[in-house]
Amino acid sequence: MIAELAVLVVLVSAVVAAPDAYAETTRVLALVGSVDEVLTNIRNWIMGILASLATVFLSIGGVRYVMGGGDPGEIEKAKTAFKAAGIGYGLAALAPVIVTVLKSIVGA
């Protein structure tokens, strides 16, 4: 118990004695100038993610349609994937409109 307490005191004193050693490892990953820039970055990320997911669904739908071999169940699943891809592309196209509405609400 006393040994553990001694180790704890040494560790705490080492951390308190050398605060500058930890200050050098701090890095600023993103520096934003305004709310407008933040909302623009959010819009770009949303558009990229939605377009990527829509492309994945489009690819899955195409593969299911080709590999379905005339099976009505697989063709219906392919059509559902095509619809999901269309919705994803539509939302990606509407992302700038949504961010513009957010800008007007925030006042940026």
N, C-alpha and C. Protein backbone atom coordinates (compact mmCIF):
# COMPACT_ATOMS: atom_id res chain seq x y z
N MET A 1 0.82 -1.18 0.00
CA MET A 1 0.00 0.00 0.00
C MET A 1 0.87 1.26 0.00
N ILE A 2 1.91 1.27 0.82
CA ILE A 2 2.79 2.44 0.88
C ILE A 2 3.60 2.56 -0.41
N ALA A 3 3.99 1.42 -0.98
CA ALA A 3 4.75 1.44 -2.23
C ALA A 3 3.89 1.99 -3.37
N GLU A 4 2.63 1.59 -3.40
CA GLU A 4 1.73 2.07 -4.44
C GLU A 4 1.51 3.58 -4.30
N LEU A 5 1.40 4.04 -3.07
CA LEU A 5 1.22 5.47 -2.83
C LEU A 5 2.46 6.25 -3.25
N ALA A 6 3.63 5.68 -2.99
CA ALA A 6 4.88 6.34 -3.38
C ALA A 6 4.99 6.44 -4.90
N VAL A 7 4.61 5.37 -5.61
CA VAL A 7 4.65 5.38 -7.08
C VAL A 7 3.66 6.43 -7.61
N LEU A 8 2.51 6.52 -7.00
CA LEU A 8 1.51 7.50 -7.43
C LEU A 8 2.03 8.92 -7.23
N VAL A 9 2.67 9.18 -6.10
CA VAL A 9 3.22 10.51 -5.83
C VAL A 9 4.31 10.86 -6.84
N VAL A 10 5.15 9.90 -7.19
CA VAL A 10 6.21 10.15 -8.17
C VAL A 10 5.61 10.44 -9.54
N LEU A 11 4.61 9.69 -9.93
CA LEU A 11 3.99 9.93 -11.23
C LEU A 11 3.30 11.29 -11.30
N VAL A 12 2.58 11.65 -10.25
CA VAL A 12 1.89 12.93 -10.24
C VAL A 12 2.90 14.07 -10.24
N SER A 13 3.99 13.95 -9.48
CA SER A 13 4.99 15.01 -9.47
C SER A 13 5.69 15.14 -10.81
N ALA A 14 5.86 14.02 -11.51
CA ALA A 14 6.49 14.08 -12.84
C ALA A 14 5.58 14.80 -13.83
N VAL A 15 4.30 14.57 -13.73
CA VAL A 15 3.35 15.23 -14.64
C VAL A 15 3.25 16.72 -14.31
N VAL A 16 3.23 17.06 -13.02
CA VAL A 16 3.12 18.46 -12.62
C VAL A 16 4.41 19.21 -12.93
N ALA A 17 5.55 18.54 -12.78
CA ALA A 17 6.83 19.21 -12.98
C ALA A 17 7.12 19.50 -14.45
N ALA A 18 6.54 18.73 -15.36
CA ALA A 18 6.86 18.89 -16.78
C ALA A 18 5.62 19.12 -17.62
N PRO A 19 4.89 20.23 -17.41
CA PRO A 19 3.70 20.46 -18.23
C PRO A 19 4.04 20.87 -19.65
N ASP A 20 5.24 21.45 -19.87
CA ASP A 20 5.62 21.89 -21.20
C ASP A 20 5.85 20.73 -22.15
N ALA A 21 6.16 19.56 -21.62
CA ALA A 21 6.41 18.40 -22.47
C ALA A 21 5.15 17.97 -23.19
N TYR A 22 4.01 18.22 -22.58
CA TYR A 22 2.75 17.83 -23.20
C TYR A 22 2.19 18.92 -24.09
N ALA A 23 2.60 20.14 -23.88
CA ALA A 23 2.08 21.25 -24.67
C ALA A 23 2.55 21.19 -26.11
N GLU A 24 3.69 20.58 -26.36
CA GLU A 24 4.23 20.51 -27.71
C GLU A 24 3.45 19.54 -28.59
N THR A 25 2.77 18.58 -28.00
CA THR A 25 2.06 17.57 -28.79
C THR A 25 0.68 18.05 -29.22
N THR A 26 0.24 19.19 -28.75
CA THR A 26 -1.06 19.71 -29.12
C THR A 26 -1.00 20.26 -30.54
N ARG A 27 -1.92 19.79 -31.37
CA ARG A 27 -1.97 20.25 -32.76
C ARG A 27 -3.38 20.71 -33.09
N VAL A 28 -3.47 21.74 -33.88
CA VAL A 28 -4.76 22.21 -34.34
C VAL A 28 -5.04 21.51 -35.66
N LEU A 29 -6.12 20.72 -35.68
CA LEU A 29 -6.44 19.96 -36.88
C LEU A 29 -7.26 20.78 -37.87
N ALA A 30 -8.11 21.64 -37.35
CA ALA A 30 -8.94 22.43 -38.25
C ALA A 30 -9.11 23.82 -37.67
N LEU A 31 -8.91 24.80 -38.49
CA LEU A 31 -9.08 26.18 -38.08
C LEU A 31 -10.09 26.81 -39.03
N VAL A 32 -11.21 27.21 -38.48
CA VAL A 32 -12.30 27.70 -39.30
C VAL A 32 -12.49 29.18 -39.03
N GLY A 33 -12.71 29.92 -40.10
CA GLY A 33 -12.84 31.35 -39.97
C GLY A 33 -14.24 31.82 -39.63
N SER A 34 -15.27 31.09 -40.08
CA SER A 34 -16.63 31.56 -39.86
C SER A 34 -17.60 30.39 -39.85
N VAL A 35 -18.82 30.70 -39.45
CA VAL A 35 -19.89 29.71 -39.45
C VAL A 35 -20.21 29.31 -40.89
N ASP A 36 -20.11 30.27 -41.79
CA ASP A 36 -20.37 30.00 -43.21
C ASP A 36 -19.43 28.91 -43.74
N GLU A 37 -18.17 28.99 -43.34
CA GLU A 37 -17.20 27.99 -43.78
C GLU A 37 -17.50 26.61 -43.19
N VAL A 38 -17.95 26.58 -41.94
CA VAL A 38 -18.32 25.31 -41.30
C VAL A 38 -19.49 24.68 -42.04
N LEU A 39 -20.50 25.48 -42.34
CA LEU A 39 -21.67 24.94 -43.04
C LEU A 39 -21.32 24.49 -44.46
N THR A 40 -20.42 25.17 -45.11
CA THR A 40 -19.97 24.75 -46.44
C THR A 40 -19.24 23.42 -46.36
N ASN A 41 -18.39 23.27 -45.35
CA ASN A 41 -17.69 21.99 -45.16
C ASN A 41 -18.66 20.87 -44.87
N ILE A 42 -19.68 21.13 -44.05
CA ILE A 42 -20.70 20.11 -43.76
C ILE A 42 -21.43 19.73 -45.03
N ARG A 43 -21.78 20.73 -45.84
CA ARG A 43 -22.46 20.45 -47.10
C ARG A 43 -21.62 19.55 -48.00
N ASN A 44 -20.34 19.86 -48.11
CA ASN A 44 -19.46 19.06 -48.97
C ASN A 44 -19.36 17.62 -48.47
N TRP A 45 -19.24 17.44 -47.16
CA TRP A 45 -19.18 16.08 -46.61
C TRP A 45 -20.48 15.32 -46.85
N ILE A 46 -21.61 15.99 -46.61
CA ILE A 46 -22.91 15.33 -46.81
C ILE A 46 -23.07 14.91 -48.27
N MET A 47 -22.72 15.81 -49.18
CA MET A 47 -22.86 15.49 -50.60
C MET A 47 -21.96 14.31 -50.98
N GLY A 48 -20.74 14.30 -50.49
CA GLY A 48 -19.82 13.21 -50.81
C GLY A 48 -20.28 11.87 -50.27
N ILE A 49 -20.74 11.86 -49.03
CA ILE A 49 -21.21 10.60 -48.42
C ILE A 49 -22.45 10.10 -49.13
N LEU A 50 -23.41 10.99 -49.40
CA LEU A 50 -24.63 10.56 -50.07
C LEU A 50 -24.37 10.07 -51.48
N ALA A 51 -23.52 10.76 -52.21
CA ALA A 51 -23.22 10.31 -53.58
C ALA A 51 -22.48 8.98 -53.56
N SER A 52 -21.60 8.78 -52.60
CA SER A 52 -20.89 7.49 -52.51
C SER A 52 -21.84 6.35 -52.19
N LEU A 53 -22.73 6.56 -51.22
CA LEU A 53 -23.69 5.51 -50.88
C LEU A 53 -24.64 5.23 -52.05
N ALA A 54 -25.06 6.28 -52.74
CA ALA A 54 -25.94 6.09 -53.88
C ALA A 54 -25.24 5.29 -54.98
N THR A 55 -23.97 5.54 -55.18
CA THR A 55 -23.22 4.78 -56.18
C THR A 55 -23.09 3.32 -55.78
N VAL A 56 -22.92 3.06 -54.49
CA VAL A 56 -22.87 1.67 -54.01
C VAL A 56 -24.20 0.99 -54.27
N PHE A 57 -25.31 1.65 -53.95
CA PHE A 57 -26.62 1.05 -54.19
C PHE A 57 -26.89 0.85 -55.68
N LEU A 58 -26.43 1.78 -56.50
CA LEU A 58 -26.60 1.62 -57.94
C LEU A 58 -25.82 0.41 -58.44
N SER A 59 -24.62 0.22 -57.93
CA SER A 59 -23.81 -0.93 -58.32
C SER A 59 -24.45 -2.24 -57.85
N ILE A 60 -24.93 -2.25 -56.62
CA ILE A 60 -25.59 -3.45 -56.10
C ILE A 60 -26.83 -3.77 -56.91
N GLY A 61 -27.60 -2.74 -57.24
CA GLY A 61 -28.80 -2.97 -58.06
C GLY A 61 -28.45 -3.51 -59.44
N GLY A 62 -27.40 -2.98 -60.05
CA GLY A 62 -26.99 -3.47 -61.37
C GLY A 62 -26.53 -4.91 -61.32
N VAL A 63 -25.77 -5.26 -60.30
CA VAL A 63 -25.29 -6.64 -60.17
C VAL A 63 -26.47 -7.58 -59.92
N ARG A 64 -27.39 -7.18 -59.06
CA ARG A 64 -28.56 -8.03 -58.80
C ARG A 64 -29.41 -8.21 -60.05
N TYR A 65 -29.55 -7.14 -60.84
CA TYR A 65 -30.36 -7.22 -62.05
C TYR A 65 -29.73 -8.16 -63.07
N VAL A 66 -28.42 -8.05 -63.22
CA VAL A 66 -27.73 -8.90 -64.21
C VAL A 66 -27.66 -10.35 -63.74
N MET A 67 -27.39 -10.54 -62.45
CA MET A 67 -27.22 -11.89 -61.92
C MET A 67 -28.56 -12.55 -61.56
N GLY A 68 -29.65 -11.79 -61.64
CA GLY A 68 -30.96 -12.33 -61.27
C GLY A 68 -31.42 -13.46 -62.15
N GLY A 69 -31.03 -13.46 -63.39
CA GLY A 69 -31.41 -14.54 -64.30
C GLY A 69 -32.90 -14.66 -64.53
N GLY A 70 -33.62 -13.56 -64.48
CA GLY A 70 -35.05 -13.59 -64.74
C GLY A 70 -35.89 -13.89 -63.51
N ASP A 71 -35.28 -14.09 -62.37
CA ASP A 71 -36.01 -14.35 -61.14
C ASP A 71 -36.74 -13.06 -60.71
N PRO A 72 -38.07 -13.11 -60.60
CA PRO A 72 -38.82 -11.89 -60.28
C PRO A 72 -38.44 -11.29 -58.91
N GLY A 73 -38.08 -12.12 -57.95
CA GLY A 73 -37.70 -11.63 -56.63
C GLY A 73 -36.41 -10.82 -56.68
N GLU A 74 -35.43 -11.35 -57.43
CA GLU A 74 -34.15 -10.64 -57.56
C GLU A 74 -34.30 -9.35 -58.36
N ILE A 75 -35.14 -9.38 -59.37
CA ILE A 75 -35.36 -8.18 -60.18
C ILE A 75 -36.04 -7.11 -59.32
N GLU A 76 -36.96 -7.53 -58.45
CA GLU A 76 -37.62 -6.56 -57.57
C GLU A 76 -36.62 -5.97 -56.57
N LYS A 77 -35.72 -6.80 -56.05
CA LYS A 77 -34.67 -6.29 -55.15
C LYS A 77 -33.75 -5.33 -55.88
N ALA A 78 -33.46 -5.61 -57.14
CA ALA A 78 -32.62 -4.72 -57.93
C ALA A 78 -33.32 -3.38 -58.14
N LYS A 79 -34.62 -3.42 -58.42
CA LYS A 79 -35.37 -2.18 -58.60
C LYS A 79 -35.42 -1.36 -57.31
N THR A 80 -35.53 -2.06 -56.18
CA THR A 80 -35.50 -1.37 -54.90
C THR A 80 -34.16 -0.69 -54.67
N ALA A 81 -33.07 -1.36 -55.05
CA ALA A 81 -31.74 -0.76 -54.92
C ALA A 81 -31.60 0.44 -55.85
N PHE A 82 -32.16 0.35 -57.06
CA PHE A 82 -32.13 1.48 -57.99
C PHE A 82 -32.91 2.68 -57.42
N LYS A 83 -34.05 2.40 -56.77
CA LYS A 83 -34.83 3.48 -56.16
C LYS A 83 -34.04 4.13 -55.03
N ALA A 84 -33.37 3.31 -54.22
CA ALA A 84 -32.56 3.85 -53.12
C ALA A 84 -31.42 4.70 -53.67
N ALA A 85 -30.83 4.28 -54.77
CA ALA A 85 -29.75 5.06 -55.38
C ALA A 85 -30.30 6.40 -55.89
N GLY A 86 -31.46 6.37 -56.50
CA GLY A 86 -32.07 7.61 -56.97
C GLY A 86 -32.38 8.57 -55.83
N ILE A 87 -32.88 8.03 -54.72
CA ILE A 87 -33.16 8.87 -53.56
C ILE A 87 -31.85 9.46 -53.02
N GLY A 88 -30.80 8.65 -52.98
CA GLY A 88 -29.51 9.13 -52.50
C GLY A 88 -28.95 10.23 -53.37
N TYR A 89 -29.03 10.07 -54.69
CA TYR A 89 -28.56 11.13 -55.59
C TYR A 89 -29.41 12.39 -55.46
N GLY A 90 -30.71 12.20 -55.26
CA GLY A 90 -31.59 13.35 -55.08
C GLY A 90 -31.27 14.12 -53.80
N LEU A 91 -31.01 13.39 -52.71
CA LEU A 91 -30.63 14.05 -51.47
C LEU A 91 -29.28 14.75 -51.58
N ALA A 92 -28.36 14.13 -52.31
CA ALA A 92 -27.05 14.76 -52.52
C ALA A 92 -27.22 16.05 -53.31
N ALA A 93 -28.14 16.06 -54.26
CA ALA A 93 -28.38 17.27 -55.04
C ALA A 93 -29.07 18.35 -54.20
N LEU A 94 -29.86 17.92 -53.20
CA LEU A 94 -30.56 18.89 -52.36
C LEU A 94 -29.74 19.38 -51.17
N ALA A 95 -28.57 18.80 -50.94
CA ALA A 95 -27.74 19.20 -49.80
C ALA A 95 -27.41 20.69 -49.81
N PRO A 96 -27.06 21.28 -50.96
CA PRO A 96 -26.80 22.74 -50.94
C PRO A 96 -28.03 23.56 -50.54
N VAL A 97 -29.21 23.11 -50.93
CA VAL A 97 -30.43 23.83 -50.57
C VAL A 97 -30.64 23.75 -49.06
N ILE A 98 -30.42 22.57 -48.49
CA ILE A 98 -30.59 22.38 -47.05
C ILE A 98 -29.60 23.26 -46.28
N VAL A 99 -28.37 23.32 -46.74
CA VAL A 99 -27.37 24.14 -46.06
C VAL A 99 -27.71 25.62 -46.21
N THR A 100 -28.27 26.03 -47.34
CA THR A 100 -28.68 27.42 -47.50
C THR A 100 -29.80 27.77 -46.52
N VAL A 101 -30.72 26.85 -46.30
CA VAL A 101 -31.78 27.07 -45.32
C VAL A 101 -31.16 27.17 -43.92
N LEU A 102 -30.21 26.30 -43.60
CA LEU A 102 -29.54 26.37 -42.31
C LEU A 102 -28.79 27.69 -42.14
N LYS A 103 -28.16 28.18 -43.20
CA LYS A 103 -27.46 29.45 -43.12
C LYS A 103 -28.42 30.60 -42.82
N SER A 104 -29.62 30.55 -43.44
CA SER A 104 -30.58 31.61 -43.19
C SER A 104 -31.14 31.53 -41.77
N ILE A 105 -31.24 30.31 -41.23
CA ILE A 105 -31.73 30.16 -39.85
C ILE A 105 -30.68 30.66 -38.87
N VAL A 106 -29.41 30.29 -39.10
CA VAL A 106 -28.32 30.67 -38.22
C VAL A 106 -27.99 32.15 -38.39
N GLY A 107 -28.15 32.66 -39.58
CA GLY A 107 -27.83 34.06 -39.84
C GLY A 107 -26.43 34.26 -40.35
N ALA A 108 -25.87 33.24 -40.96
CA ALA A 108 -24.49 33.34 -41.46
C ALA A 108 -24.47 33.99 -42.82
